[in-house]
Amino acid sequence: MTKLQYRGVSYDNATHEQPSSQPVDHAYRGQHYEAPLRHDAAPVDESLELQYRGHAYHHRQAEAANQVNKA
């Protein structure tokens, strides 16, 4: 395995601490919640309408997968 370097300092990524599945206290915009740093992705609900910067969009997971596989 090749050693990685950061600003001239070599390190081995295998020896770095990995995120735990134990809950950790987080604060976001003044709201506290506990969640693990390592977790599975939430399942996609394709019927859900999402909003981003005033624009509505829907999950198109299958369409995105086809575009990636064509490239």
PDB file of N, CA and C in Angstrom:
ATOM      1  N   MET A   1       0.843  -1.193   0.000  1.00  0.00           N
ATOM      2  CA  MET A   1       0.000   0.000   0.000  1.00  0.00           C
ATOM      3  C   MET A   1       0.879   1.244   0.000  1.00  0.00           C
ATOM      4  N   THR A   2       0.541   2.223  -0.831  1.00  0.00           N
ATOM      5  CA  THR A   2       1.299   3.457  -0.913  1.00  0.00           C
ATOM      6  C   THR A   2       0.914   4.367   0.248  1.00  0.00           C
ATOM      7  N   LYS A   3       1.915   4.951   0.871  1.00  0.00           N
ATOM      8  CA  LYS A   3       1.618   5.896   1.959  1.00  0.00           C
ATOM      9  C   LYS A   3       1.127   7.208   1.371  1.00  0.00           C
ATOM     10  N   LEU A   4       0.175   7.788   2.018  1.00  0.00           N
ATOM     11  CA  LEU A   4      -0.368   9.068   1.596  1.00  0.00           C
ATOM     12  C   LEU A   4       0.420  10.189   2.257  1.00  0.00           C
ATOM     13  N   GLN A   5       0.342  11.380   1.673  1.00  0.00           N
ATOM     14  CA  GLN A   5       1.028  12.528   2.253  1.00  0.00           C
ATOM     15  C   GLN A   5       0.064  13.692   2.355  1.00  0.00           C
ATOM     16  N   TYR A   6       0.194  14.436   3.435  1.00  0.00           N
ATOM     17  CA  TYR A   6      -0.550  15.675   3.619  1.00  0.00           C
ATOM     18  C   TYR A   6       0.431  16.723   4.085  1.00  0.00           C
ATOM     19  N   ARG A   7       0.626  17.744   3.265  1.00  0.00           N
ATOM     20  CA  ARG A   7       1.573  18.821   3.559  1.00  0.00           C
ATOM     21  C   ARG A   7       2.954  18.284   3.918  1.00  0.00           C
ATOM     22  N   GLY A   8       3.376  17.288   3.170  1.00  0.00           N
ATOM     23  CA  GLY A   8       4.712  16.740   3.348  1.00  0.00           C
ATOM     24  C   GLY A   8       4.842  15.705   4.445  1.00  0.00           C
ATOM     25  N   VAL A   9       3.759  15.398   5.154  1.00  0.00           N
ATOM     26  CA  VAL A   9       3.798  14.424   6.233  1.00  0.00           C
ATOM     27  C   VAL A   9       3.141  13.139   5.744  1.00  0.00           C
ATOM     28  N   SER A  10       3.873  12.033   5.802  1.00  0.00           N
ATOM     29  CA  SER A  10       3.329  10.742   5.365  1.00  0.00           C
ATOM     30  C   SER A  10       2.414  10.162   6.434  1.00  0.00           C
ATOM     31  N   TYR A  11       1.372   9.487   6.004  1.00  0.00           N
ATOM     32  CA  TYR A  11       0.483   8.801   6.942  1.00  0.00           C
ATOM     33  C   TYR A  11      -0.125   7.586   6.285  1.00  0.00           C
ATOM     34  N   ASP A  12      -0.577   6.665   7.110  1.00  0.00           N
ATOM     35  CA  ASP A  12      -1.211   5.444   6.649  1.00  0.00           C
ATOM     36  C   ASP A  12      -2.694   5.536   6.970  1.00  0.00           C
ATOM     37  N   ASN A  13      -3.528   5.567   5.950  1.00  0.00           N
ATOM     38  CA  ASN A  13      -4.969   5.733   6.136  1.00  0.00           C
ATOM     39  C   ASN A  13      -5.583   4.595   6.943  1.00  0.00           C
ATOM     40  N   ALA A  14      -4.996   3.390   6.894  1.00  0.00           N
ATOM     41  CA  ALA A  14      -5.550   2.236   7.602  1.00  0.00           C
ATOM     42  C   ALA A  14      -5.465   2.401   9.113  1.00  0.00           C
ATOM     43  N   THR A  15      -4.563   3.233   9.597  1.00  0.00           N
ATOM     44  CA  THR A  15      -4.403   3.387  11.040  1.00  0.00           C
ATOM     45  C   THR A  15      -5.234   4.540  11.607  1.00  0.00           C
ATOM     46  N   HIS A  16      -5.931   5.275  10.745  1.00  0.00           N
ATOM     47  CA  HIS A  16      -6.728   6.396  11.237  1.00  0.00           C
ATOM     48  C   HIS A  16      -7.995   5.889  11.906  1.00  0.00           C
ATOM     49  N   GLU A  17      -8.471   6.654  12.847  1.00  0.00           N
ATOM     50  CA  GLU A  17      -9.698   6.304  13.563  1.00  0.00           C
ATOM     51  C   GLU A  17     -10.886   6.357  12.603  1.00  0.00           C
ATOM     52  N   GLN A  18     -11.732   5.360  12.668  1.00  0.00           N
ATOM     53  CA  GLN A  18     -12.917   5.307  11.820  1.00  0.00           C
ATOM     54  C   GLN A  18     -14.130   5.792  12.616  1.00  0.00           C
ATOM     55  N   PRO A  19     -15.111   6.404  11.923  1.00  0.00           N
ATOM     56  CA  PRO A  19     -16.315   6.852  12.636  1.00  0.00           C
ATOM     57  C   PRO A  19     -17.016   5.702  13.342  1.00  0.00           C
ATOM     58  N   SER A  20     -17.558   5.992  14.487  1.00  0.00           N
ATOM     59  CA  SER A  20     -18.222   4.988  15.304  1.00  0.00           C
ATOM     60  C   SER A  20     -19.721   4.983  15.029  1.00  0.00           C
ATOM     61  N   SER A  21     -20.373   3.884  15.356  1.00  0.00           N
ATOM     62  CA  SER A  21     -21.826   3.828  15.233  1.00  0.00           C
ATOM     63  C   SER A  21     -22.507   4.219  16.548  1.00  0.00           C
ATOM     64  N   GLN A  22     -21.727   4.667  17.538  1.00  0.00           N
ATOM     65  CA  GLN A  22     -22.285   5.145  18.803  1.00  0.00           C
ATOM     66  C   GLN A  22     -22.854   6.556  18.611  1.00  0.00           C
ATOM     67  N   PRO A  23     -24.015   6.857  19.179  1.00  0.00           N
ATOM     68  CA  PRO A  23     -24.589   8.199  19.031  1.00  0.00           C
ATOM     69  C   PRO A  23     -23.677   9.281  19.610  1.00  0.00           C
ATOM     70  N   VAL A  24     -23.627  10.411  18.919  1.00  0.00           N
ATOM     71  CA  VAL A  24     -22.834  11.562  19.334  1.00  0.00           C
ATOM     72  C   VAL A  24     -23.768  12.759  19.375  1.00  0.00           C
ATOM     73  N   ASP A  25     -23.611  13.607  20.388  1.00  0.00           N
ATOM     74  CA  ASP A  25     -24.449  14.800  20.507  1.00  0.00           C
ATOM     75  C   ASP A  25     -24.023  15.829  19.470  1.00  0.00           C
ATOM     76  N   HIS A  26     -24.964  16.258  18.614  1.00  0.00           N
ATOM     77  CA  HIS A  26     -24.710  17.251  17.587  1.00  0.00           C
ATOM     78  C   HIS A  26     -25.595  18.462  17.848  1.00  0.00           C
ATOM     79  N   ALA A  27     -25.173  19.610  17.351  1.00  0.00           N
ATOM     80  CA  ALA A  27     -26.018  20.799  17.374  1.00  0.00           C
ATOM     81  C   ALA A  27     -26.028  21.385  15.972  1.00  0.00           C
ATOM     82  N   TYR A  28     -27.216  21.656  15.455  1.00  0.00           N
ATOM     83  CA  TYR A  28     -27.359  22.279  14.139  1.00  0.00           C
ATOM     84  C   TYR A  28     -28.399  23.374  14.256  1.00  0.00           C
ATOM     85  N   ARG A  29     -27.979  24.586  13.996  1.00  0.00           N
ATOM     86  CA  ARG A  29     -28.857  25.757  14.102  1.00  0.00           C
ATOM     87  C   ARG A  29     -29.579  25.798  15.438  1.00  0.00           C
ATOM     88  N   GLY A  30     -28.841  25.505  16.487  1.00  0.00           N
ATOM     89  CA  GLY A  30     -29.384  25.584  17.832  1.00  0.00           C
ATOM     90  C   GLY A  30     -30.173  24.375  18.283  1.00  0.00           C
ATOM     91  N   GLN A  31     -30.398  23.405  17.412  1.00  0.00           N
ATOM     92  CA  GLN A  31     -31.144  22.200  17.764  1.00  0.00           C
ATOM     93  C   GLN A  31     -30.166  21.084  18.074  1.00  0.00           C
ATOM     94  N   HIS A  32     -30.332  20.448  19.235  1.00  0.00           N
ATOM     95  CA  HIS A  32     -29.464  19.338  19.618  1.00  0.00           C
ATOM     96  C   HIS A  32     -30.118  18.016  19.235  1.00  0.00           C
ATOM     97  N   TYR A  33     -29.322  17.098  18.761  1.00  0.00           N
ATOM     98  CA  TYR A  33     -29.801  15.757  18.473  1.00  0.00           C
ATOM     99  C   TYR A  33     -28.642  14.794  18.589  1.00  0.00           C
ATOM    100  N   GLU A  34     -28.956  13.525  18.779  1.00  0.00           N
ATOM    101  CA  GLU A  34     -27.931  12.492  18.864  1.00  0.00           C
ATOM    102  C   GLU A  34     -28.046  11.580  17.655  1.00  0.00           C
ATOM    103  N   ALA A  35     -26.918  11.381  16.996  1.00  0.00           N
ATOM    104  CA  ALA A  35     -26.868  10.497  15.833  1.00  0.00           C
ATOM    105  C   ALA A  35     -25.458   9.950  15.709  1.00  0.00           C
ATOM    106  N   PRO A  36     -25.304   8.741  15.209  1.00  0.00           N
ATOM    107  CA  PRO A  36     -23.954   8.199  15.017  1.00  0.00           C
ATOM    108  C   PRO A  36     -23.275   8.868  13.824  1.00  0.00           C
ATOM    109  N   LEU A  37     -21.940   8.929  13.856  1.00  0.00           N
ATOM    110  CA  LEU A  37     -21.194   9.490  12.737  1.00  0.00           C
ATOM    111  C   LEU A  37     -21.239   8.560  11.533  1.00  0.00           C
ATOM    112  N   ARG A  38     -21.324   7.265  11.776  1.00  0.00           N
ATOM    113  CA  ARG A  38     -21.431   6.291  10.682  1.00  0.00           C
ATOM    114  C   ARG A  38     -22.847   5.735  10.692  1.00  0.00           C
ATOM    115  N   HIS A  39     -23.534   5.828   9.565  1.00  0.00           N
ATOM    116  CA  HIS A  39     -24.899   5.316   9.474  1.00  0.00           C
ATOM    117  C   HIS A  39     -25.199   4.981   8.029  1.00  0.00           C
ATOM    118  N   ASP A  40     -26.209   4.140   7.842  1.00  0.00           N
ATOM    119  CA  ASP A  40     -26.650   3.783   6.499  1.00  0.00           C
ATOM    120  C   ASP A  40     -27.441   4.945   5.902  1.00  0.00           C
ATOM    121  N   ALA A  41     -27.409   5.056   4.603  1.00  0.00           N
ATOM    122  CA  ALA A  41     -28.178   6.094   3.926  1.00  0.00           C
ATOM    123  C   ALA A  41     -29.669   5.823   4.092  1.00  0.00           C
ATOM    124  N   ALA A  42     -30.434   6.883   4.193  1.00  0.00           N
ATOM    125  CA  ALA A  42     -31.884   6.743   4.306  1.00  0.00           C
ATOM    126  C   ALA A  42     -32.440   6.244   2.983  1.00  0.00           C
ATOM    127  N   PRO A  43     -33.476   5.398   3.030  1.00  0.00           N
ATOM    128  CA  PRO A  43     -34.062   4.919   1.777  1.00  0.00           C
ATOM    129  C   PRO A  43     -34.691   6.069   0.992  1.00  0.00           C
ATOM    130  N   VAL A  44     -34.650   5.985  -0.322  1.00  0.00           N
ATOM    131  CA  VAL A  44     -35.192   7.031  -1.189  1.00  0.00           C
ATOM    132  C   VAL A  44     -36.692   6.855  -1.324  1.00  0.00           C
ATOM    133  N   ASP A  45     -37.428   7.926  -1.086  1.00  0.00           N
ATOM    134  CA  ASP A  45     -38.874   7.938  -1.286  1.00  0.00           C
ATOM    135  C   ASP A  45     -39.141   8.726  -2.562  1.00  0.00           C
ATOM    136  N   GLU A  46     -39.355   8.017  -3.675  1.00  0.00           N
ATOM    137  CA  GLU A  46     -39.503   8.684  -4.970  1.00  0.00           C
ATOM    138  C   GLU A  46     -40.785   9.501  -5.070  1.00  0.00           C
ATOM    139  N   SER A  47     -41.749   9.276  -4.184  1.00  0.00           N
ATOM    140  CA  SER A  47     -42.987  10.052  -4.226  1.00  0.00           C
ATOM    141  C   SER A  47     -42.819  11.402  -3.529  1.00  0.00           C
ATOM    142  N   LEU A  48     -41.739  11.590  -2.818  1.00  0.00           N
ATOM    143  CA  LEU A  48     -41.507  12.818  -2.052  1.00  0.00           C
ATOM    144  C   LEU A  48     -41.037  13.940  -2.972  1.00  0.00           C
ATOM    145  N   GLU A  49     -41.666  15.108  -2.859  1.00  0.00           N
ATOM    146  CA  GLU A  49     -41.226  16.273  -3.628  1.00  0.00           C
ATOM    147  C   GLU A  49     -40.235  17.051  -2.774  1.00  0.00           C
ATOM    148  N   LEU A  50     -39.072  17.294  -3.314  1.00  0.00           N
ATOM    149  CA  LEU A  50     -38.034  18.010  -2.590  1.00  0.00           C
ATOM    150  C   LEU A  50     -37.958  19.445  -3.080  1.00  0.00           C
ATOM    151  N   GLN A  51     -37.529  20.346  -2.199  1.00  0.00           N
ATOM    152  CA  GLN A  51     -37.370  21.751  -2.543  1.00  0.00           C
ATOM    153  C   GLN A  51     -35.916  22.144  -2.320  1.00  0.00           C
ATOM    154  N   TYR A  52     -35.339  22.833  -3.302  1.00  0.00           N
ATOM    155  CA  TYR A  52     -33.982  23.349  -3.145  1.00  0.00           C
ATOM    156  C   TYR A  52     -33.920  24.716  -3.795  1.00  0.00           C
ATOM    157  N   ARG A  53     -33.654  25.718  -2.992  1.00  0.00           N
ATOM    158  CA  ARG A  53     -33.551  27.106  -3.466  1.00  0.00           C
ATOM    159  C   ARG A  53     -34.759  27.517  -4.300  1.00  0.00           C
ATOM    160  N   GLY A  54     -35.933  27.147  -3.812  1.00  0.00           N
ATOM    161  CA  GLY A  54     -37.167  27.558  -4.464  1.00  0.00           C
ATOM    162  C   GLY A  54     -37.603  26.704  -5.644  1.00  0.00           C
ATOM    163  N   HIS A  55     -36.848  25.668  -5.973  1.00  0.00           N
ATOM    164  CA  HIS A  55     -37.209  24.797  -7.087  1.00  0.00           C
ATOM    165  C   HIS A  55     -37.593  23.426  -6.553  1.00  0.00           C
ATOM    166  N   ALA A  56     -38.683  22.893  -7.092  1.00  0.00           N
ATOM    167  CA  ALA A  56     -39.142  21.558  -6.702  1.00  0.00           C
ATOM    168  C   ALA A  56     -38.520  20.526  -7.630  1.00  0.00           C
ATOM    169  N   TYR A  57     -38.150  19.395  -7.078  1.00  0.00           N
ATOM    170  CA  TYR A  57     -37.662  18.292  -7.898  1.00  0.00           C
ATOM    171  C   TYR A  57     -37.989  16.983  -7.223  1.00  0.00           C
ATOM    172  N   HIS A  58     -37.929  15.894  -7.992  1.00  0.00           N
ATOM    173  CA  HIS A  58     -38.235  14.557  -7.504  1.00  0.00           C
ATOM    174  C   HIS A  58     -37.012  13.680  -7.654  1.00  0.00           C
ATOM    175  N   HIS A  59     -36.929  12.645  -6.829  1.00  0.00           N
ATOM    176  CA  HIS A  59     -35.853  11.664  -6.972  1.00  0.00           C
ATOM    177  C   HIS A  59     -36.023  10.936  -8.292  1.00  0.00           C
ATOM    178  N   ARG A  60     -34.951  10.836  -9.034  1.00  0.00           N
ATOM    179  CA  ARG A  60     -34.957  10.060 -10.271  1.00  0.00           C
ATOM    180  C   ARG A  60     -33.747   9.138 -10.242  1.00  0.00           C
ATOM    181  N   GLN A  61     -33.757   8.225  -9.288  1.00  0.00           N
ATOM    182  CA  GLN A  61     -32.625   7.343  -9.048  1.00  0.00           C
ATOM    183  C   GLN A  61     -32.326   6.460 -10.262  1.00  0.00           C
ATOM    184  N   ALA A  62     -33.338   5.865 -10.860  1.00  0.00           N
ATOM    185  CA  ALA A  62     -33.130   4.977 -12.005  1.00  0.00           C
ATOM    186  C   ALA A  62     -32.576   5.757 -13.192  1.00  0.00           C
ATOM    187  N   GLU A  63     -33.104   6.946 -13.420  1.00  0.00           N
ATOM    188  CA  GLU A  63     -32.623   7.781 -14.523  1.00  0.00           C
ATOM    189  C   GLU A  63     -31.170   8.196 -14.299  1.00  0.00           C
ATOM    190  N   ALA A  64     -30.815   8.548 -13.091  1.00  0.00           N
ATOM    191  CA  ALA A  64     -29.442   8.933 -12.768  1.00  0.00           C
ATOM    192  C   ALA A  64     -28.501   7.739 -12.948  1.00  0.00           C
ATOM    193  N   ALA A  65     -28.929   6.556 -12.556  1.00  0.00           N
ATOM    194  CA  ALA A  65     -28.097   5.343 -12.705  1.00  0.00           C
ATOM    195  C   ALA A  65     -27.850   5.058 -14.181  1.00  0.00           C
ATOM    196  N   ASN A  66     -28.863   5.242 -15.026  1.00  0.00           N
ATOM    197  CA  ASN A  66     -28.687   5.021 -16.468  1.00  0.00           C
ATOM    198  C   ASN A  66     -27.685   6.003 -17.056  1.00  0.00           C
ATOM    199  N   GLN A  67     -27.726   7.255 -16.627  1.00  0.00           N
ATOM    200  CA  GLN A  67     -26.792   8.261 -17.123  1.00  0.00           C
ATOM    201  C   GLN A  67     -25.364   7.934 -16.711  1.00  0.00           C
ATOM    202  N   VAL A  68     -25.184   7.453 -15.502  1.00  0.00           N
ATOM    203  CA  VAL A  68     -23.854   7.108 -15.014  1.00  0.00           C
ATOM    204  C   VAL A  68     -23.317   5.896 -15.760  1.00  0.00           C
ATOM    205  N   ASN A  69     -24.175   4.905 -16.001  1.00  0.00           N
ATOM    206  CA  ASN A  69     -23.744   3.681 -16.680  1.00  0.00           C
ATOM    207  C   ASN A  69     -23.409   3.917 -18.150  1.00  0.00           C
ATOM    208  N   LYS A  70     -24.008   4.944 -18.785  1.00  0.00           N
ATOM    209  CA  LYS A  70     -23.716   5.252 -20.177  1.00  0.00           C
ATOM    210  C   LYS A  70     -22.346   5.903 -20.338  1.00  0.00           C
ATOM    211  N   ALA A  71     -21.910   6.612 -19.330  1.00  0.00           N
ATOM    212  CA  ALA A  71     -20.639   7.373 -19.419  1.00  0.00           C
ATOM    213  C   ALA A  71     -19.436   6.489 -19.375  1.00  0.00           C
TER     214      ALA A  71
END
